[in-house]
Amino acid sequence: MSKPYVVNESSLPLEGWDDVARGTTLWRTMISADIAPTDTFSAGIAYFAPGQTLEPHRHSHAEVYFILEGELEITIEGTTHVAKPNTALFIPGNAEHGTLNASSAPARIFYCFATDRFSDVQYQFSAPAKPVLARS
């Protein structure tokens, strides 16, 4: 059962990927039935240092981005949008999308999925995983 819930971004642990196939972004899950008495939506904050990416992918759940700070290049179904603070983007379910911070400043976005749990979002990355070469 859903209840009111208030959380501060800085009180939550950082999660993330550092993977050539997925990207190098970090995030904090703020609202999800996995960690809070909530339903209907899951949401969080994603962080992109200069040069960091979230590689092209898709998932069945629709998603909303709201740019809080910085400037990002967000490509949705082959069209690149330069998103600055106070810009909202709707990403339909199963639409291929990816994000790049091509600027020299950090960026931060609020994201929200139309599902109770962030763990329900199954990312399908467009590029196959690249093998890591052994060093001798």
C-alpha atoms as a PDB file:
ATOM      1  CA  MET A   1       0.000   0.000   0.000  1.00  0.00           C
ATOM      2  CA  SER A   2       1.308   3.388  -0.990  1.00  0.00           C
ATOM      3  CA  LYS A   3       1.993   6.061   1.651  1.00  0.00           C
ATOM      4  CA  PRO A   4       3.414   9.584   1.589  1.00  0.00           C
ATOM      5  CA  TYR A   5       7.186   9.470   1.297  1.00  0.00           C
ATOM      6  CA  VAL A   6       9.817  12.211   1.449  1.00  0.00           C
ATOM      7  CA  VAL A   7      13.517  11.639   0.743  1.00  0.00           C
ATOM      8  CA  ASN A   8      16.588  13.813   0.248  1.00  0.00           C
ATOM      9  CA  GLU A   9      18.815  13.024  -2.734  1.00  0.00           C
ATOM     10  CA  SER A  10      22.046  13.175  -0.721  1.00  0.00           C
ATOM     11  CA  SER A  11      20.827  10.554   1.771  1.00  0.00           C
ATOM     12  CA  LEU A  12      20.766   7.777  -0.822  1.00  0.00           C
ATOM     13  CA  PRO A  13      23.584   5.555  -2.094  1.00  0.00           C
ATOM     14  CA  LEU A  14      25.128   6.062  -5.529  1.00  0.00           C
ATOM     15  CA  GLU A  15      24.653   3.292  -8.047  1.00  0.00           C
ATOM     16  CA  GLY A  16      26.054   3.099 -11.532  1.00  0.00           C
ATOM     17  CA  TRP A  17      27.820   1.513 -14.439  1.00  0.00           C
ATOM     18  CA  ASP A  18      31.341   1.859 -15.745  1.00  0.00           C
ATOM     19  CA  ASP A  19      30.924  -0.383 -18.737  1.00  0.00           C
ATOM     20  CA  VAL A  20      31.654   0.248 -22.426  1.00  0.00           C
ATOM     21  CA  ALA A  21      28.384  -1.447 -23.458  1.00  0.00           C
ATOM     22  CA  ARG A  22      26.125   0.318 -20.935  1.00  0.00           C
ATOM     23  CA  GLY A  23      27.828   3.614 -20.216  1.00  0.00           C
ATOM     24  CA  THR A  24      29.482   5.427 -17.373  1.00  0.00           C
ATOM     25  CA  THR A  25      26.628   7.183 -15.623  1.00  0.00           C
ATOM     26  CA  LEU A  26      25.812   7.218 -11.914  1.00  0.00           C
ATOM     27  CA  TRP A  27      22.369   7.525 -10.314  1.00  0.00           C
ATOM     28  CA  ARG A  28      20.415   7.509  -7.078  1.00  0.00           C
ATOM     29  CA  THR A  29      17.080   5.688  -6.975  1.00  0.00           C
ATOM     30  CA  MET A  30      14.803   7.938  -4.931  1.00  0.00           C
ATOM     31  CA  ILE A  31      11.338   6.435  -5.359  1.00  0.00           C
ATOM     32  CA  SER A  32      10.755   2.725  -5.909  1.00  0.00           C
ATOM     33  CA  ALA A  33       8.591   0.125  -4.179  1.00  0.00           C
ATOM     34  CA  ASP A  34      11.850  -1.778  -3.548  1.00  0.00           C
ATOM     35  CA  ILE A  35      12.952   0.883  -1.032  1.00  0.00           C
ATOM     36  CA  ALA A  36       9.865   2.924  -0.111  1.00  0.00           C
ATOM     37  CA  PRO A  37       6.125   2.526   0.535  1.00  0.00           C
ATOM     38  CA  THR A  38       5.287   3.804  -2.957  1.00  0.00           C
ATOM     39  CA  ASP A  39       3.614   2.561  -6.122  1.00  0.00           C
ATOM     40  CA  THR A  40       2.770   3.722  -9.658  1.00  0.00           C
ATOM     41  CA  PHE A  41       6.139   5.378 -10.379  1.00  0.00           C
ATOM     42  CA  SER A  42       9.849   4.918  -9.785  1.00  0.00           C
ATOM     43  CA  ALA A  43      12.212   7.867 -10.018  1.00  0.00           C
ATOM     44  CA  GLY A  44      15.686   9.116  -9.301  1.00  0.00           C
ATOM     45  CA  ILE A  45      18.524  11.435 -10.190  1.00  0.00           C
ATOM     46  CA  ALA A  46      21.210  10.590 -12.781  1.00  0.00           C
ATOM     47  CA  TYR A  47      24.614  12.262 -12.881  1.00  0.00           C
ATOM     48  CA  PHE A  48      26.788  12.750 -15.960  1.00  0.00           C
ATOM     49  CA  ALA A  49      30.327  14.079 -15.579  1.00  0.00           C
ATOM     50  CA  PRO A  50      31.856  15.527 -18.767  1.00  0.00           C
ATOM     51  CA  GLY A  51      32.244  12.734 -21.311  1.00  0.00           C
ATOM     52  CA  GLN A  52      29.993  10.279 -19.479  1.00  0.00           C
ATOM     53  CA  THR A  53      27.300   8.364 -21.331  1.00  0.00           C
ATOM     54  CA  LEU A  54      24.272   6.172 -21.036  1.00  0.00           C
ATOM     55  CA  GLU A  55      24.617   4.074 -24.183  1.00  0.00           C
ATOM     56  CA  PRO A  56      21.683   3.553 -26.599  1.00  0.00           C
ATOM     57  CA  HIS A  57      19.110   1.211 -25.116  1.00  0.00           C
ATOM     58  CA  ARG A  58      15.409   0.599 -24.801  1.00  0.00           C
ATOM     59  CA  HIS A  59      12.984  -0.686 -22.177  1.00  0.00           C
ATOM     60  CA  SER A  60       9.258  -1.370 -22.246  1.00  0.00           C
ATOM     61  CA  HIS A  61       8.420   1.319 -19.683  1.00  0.00           C
ATOM     62  CA  ALA A  62       7.878   4.930 -20.744  1.00  0.00           C
ATOM     63  CA  GLU A  63      10.259   7.408 -19.124  1.00  0.00           C
ATOM     64  CA  VAL A  64      10.438  11.143 -18.449  1.00  0.00           C
ATOM     65  CA  TYR A  65      13.672  13.144 -18.107  1.00  0.00           C
ATOM     66  CA  PHE A  66      13.824  16.623 -16.566  1.00  0.00           C
ATOM     67  CA  ILE A  67      17.171  18.395 -16.861  1.00  0.00           C
ATOM     68  CA  LEU A  68      18.193  19.936 -13.534  1.00  0.00           C
ATOM     69  CA  GLU A  69      21.668  21.208 -14.428  1.00  0.00           C
ATOM     70  CA  GLY A  70      24.172  21.032 -17.249  1.00  0.00           C
ATOM     71  CA  GLU A  71      23.674  20.279 -20.925  1.00  0.00           C
ATOM     72  CA  LEU A  72      23.175  16.832 -22.445  1.00  0.00           C
ATOM     73  CA  GLU A  73      22.831  15.390 -25.919  1.00  0.00           C
ATOM     74  CA  ILE A  74      19.915  12.965 -25.731  1.00  0.00           C
ATOM     75  CA  THR A  75      19.206  10.872 -28.799  1.00  0.00           C
ATOM     76  CA  ILE A  76      15.714   9.375 -29.077  1.00  0.00           C
ATOM     77  CA  GLU A  77      14.938   7.139 -32.059  1.00  0.00           C
ATOM     78  CA  GLY A  78      17.836   8.623 -34.042  1.00  0.00           C
ATOM     79  CA  THR A  79      17.075  12.301 -33.361  1.00  0.00           C
ATOM     80  CA  THR A  80      19.506  14.161 -31.088  1.00  0.00           C
ATOM     81  CA  HIS A  81      18.139  16.829 -28.745  1.00  0.00           C
ATOM     82  CA  VAL A  82      20.360  19.262 -26.861  1.00  0.00           C
ATOM     83  CA  ALA A  83      18.725  19.429 -23.442  1.00  0.00           C
ATOM     84  CA  LYS A  84      19.456  22.253 -21.013  1.00  0.00           C
ATOM     85  CA  PRO A  85      18.072  23.012 -17.522  1.00  0.00           C
ATOM     86  CA  ASN A  86      14.298  23.126 -17.220  1.00  0.00           C
ATOM     87  CA  THR A  87      13.821  20.924 -20.295  1.00  0.00           C
ATOM     88  CA  ALA A  88      11.523  17.894 -20.057  1.00  0.00           C
ATOM     89  CA  LEU A  89      11.663  14.940 -22.450  1.00  0.00           C
ATOM     90  CA  PHE A  90       9.129  12.113 -22.802  1.00  0.00           C
ATOM     91  CA  ILE A  91      10.587   8.815 -23.995  1.00  0.00           C
ATOM     92  CA  PRO A  92       7.929   6.315 -25.113  1.00  0.00           C
ATOM     93  CA  GLY A  93       8.227   2.690 -24.077  1.00  0.00           C
ATOM     94  CA  ASN A  94      10.563   0.699 -26.363  1.00  0.00           C
ATOM     95  CA  ALA A  95      12.022   3.850 -27.968  1.00  0.00           C
ATOM     96  CA  GLU A  96      15.790   3.599 -28.425  1.00  0.00           C
ATOM     97  CA  HIS A  97      17.546   6.400 -26.524  1.00  0.00           C
ATOM     98  CA  GLY A  98      20.963   7.313 -25.184  1.00  0.00           C
ATOM     99  CA  THR A  99      22.619  10.210 -23.401  1.00  0.00           C
ATOM    100  CA  LEU A 100      25.995  11.948 -23.726  1.00  0.00           C
ATOM    101  CA  ASN A 101      27.493  14.798 -21.736  1.00  0.00           C
ATOM    102  CA  ALA A 102      29.602  16.413 -24.469  1.00  0.00           C
ATOM    103  CA  SER A 103      30.066  19.590 -22.443  1.00  0.00           C
ATOM    104  CA  SER A 104      32.813  20.512 -19.977  1.00  0.00           C
ATOM    105  CA  ALA A 105      30.411  20.813 -17.012  1.00  0.00           C
ATOM    106  CA  PRO A 106      28.603  18.132 -14.991  1.00  0.00           C
ATOM    107  CA  ALA A 107      24.931  17.456 -15.673  1.00  0.00           C
ATOM    108  CA  ARG A 108      22.122  16.138 -13.509  1.00  0.00           C
ATOM    109  CA  ILE A 109      18.669  14.880 -14.508  1.00  0.00           C
ATOM    110  CA  PHE A 110      15.536  13.722 -12.733  1.00  0.00           C
ATOM    111  CA  TYR A 111      14.094  10.589 -14.347  1.00  0.00           C
ATOM    112  CA  CYS A 112      10.780   8.852 -13.784  1.00  0.00           C
ATOM    113  CA  PHE A 113       9.425   5.519 -15.025  1.00  0.00           C
ATOM    114  CA  ALA A 114       5.808   4.427 -15.257  1.00  0.00           C
ATOM    115  CA  THR A 115       6.337   1.385 -13.000  1.00  0.00           C
ATOM    116  CA  ASP A 116       6.283   0.672  -9.263  1.00  0.00           C
ATOM    117  CA  ARG A 117       9.836  -0.609  -9.041  1.00  0.00           C
ATOM    118  CA  PHE A 118      13.062   0.486 -10.678  1.00  0.00           C
ATOM    119  CA  SER A 119      14.056  -3.190 -10.685  1.00  0.00           C
ATOM    120  CA  ASP A 120      11.178  -3.833 -13.152  1.00  0.00           C
ATOM    121  CA  VAL A 121      12.953  -1.773 -15.829  1.00  0.00           C
ATOM    122  CA  GLN A 122      14.823  -4.222 -18.050  1.00  0.00           C
ATOM    123  CA  TYR A 123      17.449  -2.378 -20.083  1.00  0.00           C
ATOM    124  CA  GLN A 124      18.169  -3.783 -23.552  1.00  0.00           C
ATOM    125  CA  PHE A 125      21.343  -2.179 -24.869  1.00  0.00           C
ATOM    126  CA  SER A 126      21.606  -1.738 -28.628  1.00  0.00           C
ATOM    127  CA  ALA A 127      25.309  -2.512 -29.038  1.00  0.00           C
ATOM    128  CA  PRO A 128      26.587  -5.941 -28.103  1.00  0.00           C
ATOM    129  CA  ALA A 129      28.924  -6.087 -25.143  1.00  0.00           C
ATOM    130  CA  LYS A 130      32.495  -5.378 -26.179  1.00  0.00           C
ATOM    131  CA  PRO A 131      35.070  -7.880 -24.966  1.00  0.00           C
ATOM    132  CA  VAL A 132      37.686  -6.680 -22.516  1.00  0.00           C
ATOM    133  CA  LEU A 133      41.145  -7.498 -23.835  1.00  0.00           C
ATOM    134  CA  ALA A 134      43.562  -9.186 -21.486  1.00  0.00           C
ATOM    135  CA  ARG A 135      46.784  -7.276 -20.865  1.00  0.00           C
ATOM    136  CA  SER A 136      50.078  -9.085 -20.803  1.00  0.00           C
END
